[in-house]
């Protein structure tokens, strides 16, 4: 599966506040548990606006990390998780 988080996140006013991949790169880089090598590789790729190839278990793990990220608001989580639900 190809995951491309190179899209804008917008605030309630519709103004761009971040790029999804850059935001998630920070979340992944801050993880203290899990496969450190894989998570950092993903973080670096998303930050550089690259497409990341994942299998189904990787995609589930990414969704879990995003869902459980306490420092990410629903304004960011919702569009990212909705996008990830479309990845096949």
Protein backbone atom coordinates (compact mmCIF):
# COMPACT_ATOMS: atom_id res chain seq x y z
CA UNK A 1 0.00 0.00 0.00
CA UNK A 2 1.19 3.50 -0.80
CA UNK A 3 0.70 6.13 1.92
CA UNK A 4 1.05 9.74 0.78
CA UNK A 5 0.52 12.29 3.56
CA UNK A 6 1.49 15.23 1.38
CA UNK A 7 -1.72 17.19 1.88
CA UNK A 8 -2.67 20.31 3.79
CA UNK A 9 -4.44 20.32 7.13
CA UNK A 10 -6.73 23.29 7.72
CA UNK A 11 -8.14 24.96 10.80
CA UNK A 12 -11.78 25.68 11.51
CA UNK A 13 -11.45 28.83 9.41
CA UNK A 14 -10.23 26.85 6.39
CA UNK A 15 -6.72 28.29 6.56
CA UNK A 16 -3.78 25.92 6.13
CA UNK A 17 -2.13 25.12 9.46
CA UNK A 18 0.22 22.25 8.57
CA UNK A 19 1.13 19.54 6.08
CA UNK A 20 -0.12 16.15 7.28
CA UNK A 21 3.16 14.35 6.60
CA UNK A 22 5.27 16.89 8.45
CA UNK A 23 2.96 16.76 11.46
CA UNK A 24 2.94 12.95 11.55
CA UNK A 25 6.71 12.89 11.07
CA UNK A 26 7.00 14.73 14.38
CA UNK A 27 4.60 12.33 16.06
CA UNK A 28 6.53 9.30 14.78
CA UNK A 29 9.91 10.76 15.73
CA UNK A 30 8.65 11.30 19.30
CA UNK A 31 7.65 7.66 19.82
CA UNK A 32 9.45 5.82 22.62
CA UNK A 33 8.14 2.32 21.88
CA UNK A 34 7.90 0.22 18.77
CA UNK A 35 10.23 -0.54 15.88
CA UNK A 36 12.55 2.46 16.17
CA UNK A 37 14.18 1.95 12.78
CA UNK A 38 10.88 1.64 10.91
CA UNK A 39 9.25 4.55 12.73
CA UNK A 40 12.20 6.86 12.07
CA UNK A 41 12.33 5.80 8.41
CA UNK A 42 8.64 6.64 8.07
CA UNK A 43 9.13 9.95 9.88
CA UNK A 44 11.98 11.00 7.61
CA UNK A 45 10.07 9.98 4.48
CA UNK A 46 6.84 11.73 5.48
CA UNK A 47 8.79 14.87 6.43
CA UNK A 48 10.42 14.90 2.98
CA UNK A 49 6.93 14.51 1.40
CA UNK A 50 7.72 11.05 0.08
CA UNK A 51 5.26 8.21 -0.40
CA UNK A 52 5.73 5.35 2.08
CA UNK A 53 5.05 1.73 1.18
CA UNK A 54 3.36 -0.22 3.97
CA UNK A 55 1.67 -3.55 4.43
CA UNK A 56 -1.67 -3.96 6.21
CA UNK A 57 -0.10 -4.45 9.65
CA UNK A 58 2.04 -1.32 9.21
CA UNK A 59 -1.03 0.69 8.26
CA UNK A 60 -2.87 -0.53 11.36
CA UNK A 61 0.11 0.45 13.53
CA UNK A 62 0.27 3.92 11.96
CA UNK A 63 -3.45 4.43 12.59
CA UNK A 64 -3.00 3.37 16.23
CA UNK A 65 -0.13 5.79 16.74
CA UNK A 66 -2.12 8.66 15.26
CA UNK A 67 -5.29 7.78 17.16
CA UNK A 68 -3.40 7.61 20.45
CA UNK A 69 -1.26 10.74 19.92
CA UNK A 70 -2.24 13.01 22.78
CA UNK A 71 -0.53 16.05 21.29
CA UNK A 72 -2.52 15.95 18.04
CA UNK A 73 -5.96 17.52 17.87
CA UNK A 74 -9.02 16.07 16.17
CA UNK A 75 -8.65 18.77 13.49
CA UNK A 76 -5.54 16.92 12.33
CA UNK A 77 -6.40 13.36 13.32
CA UNK A 78 -9.73 13.23 11.52
CA UNK A 79 -8.60 14.07 7.95
CA UNK A 80 -5.48 11.91 8.29
CA UNK A 81 -7.39 8.89 9.62
CA UNK A 82 -10.09 9.36 6.96
CA UNK A 83 -7.39 9.37 4.29
CA UNK A 84 -5.72 6.26 5.75
CA UNK A 85 -9.08 4.46 5.63
CA UNK A 86 -9.05 4.94 1.83
CA UNK A 87 -5.56 3.45 1.35
CA UNK A 88 -5.68 0.03 -0.27
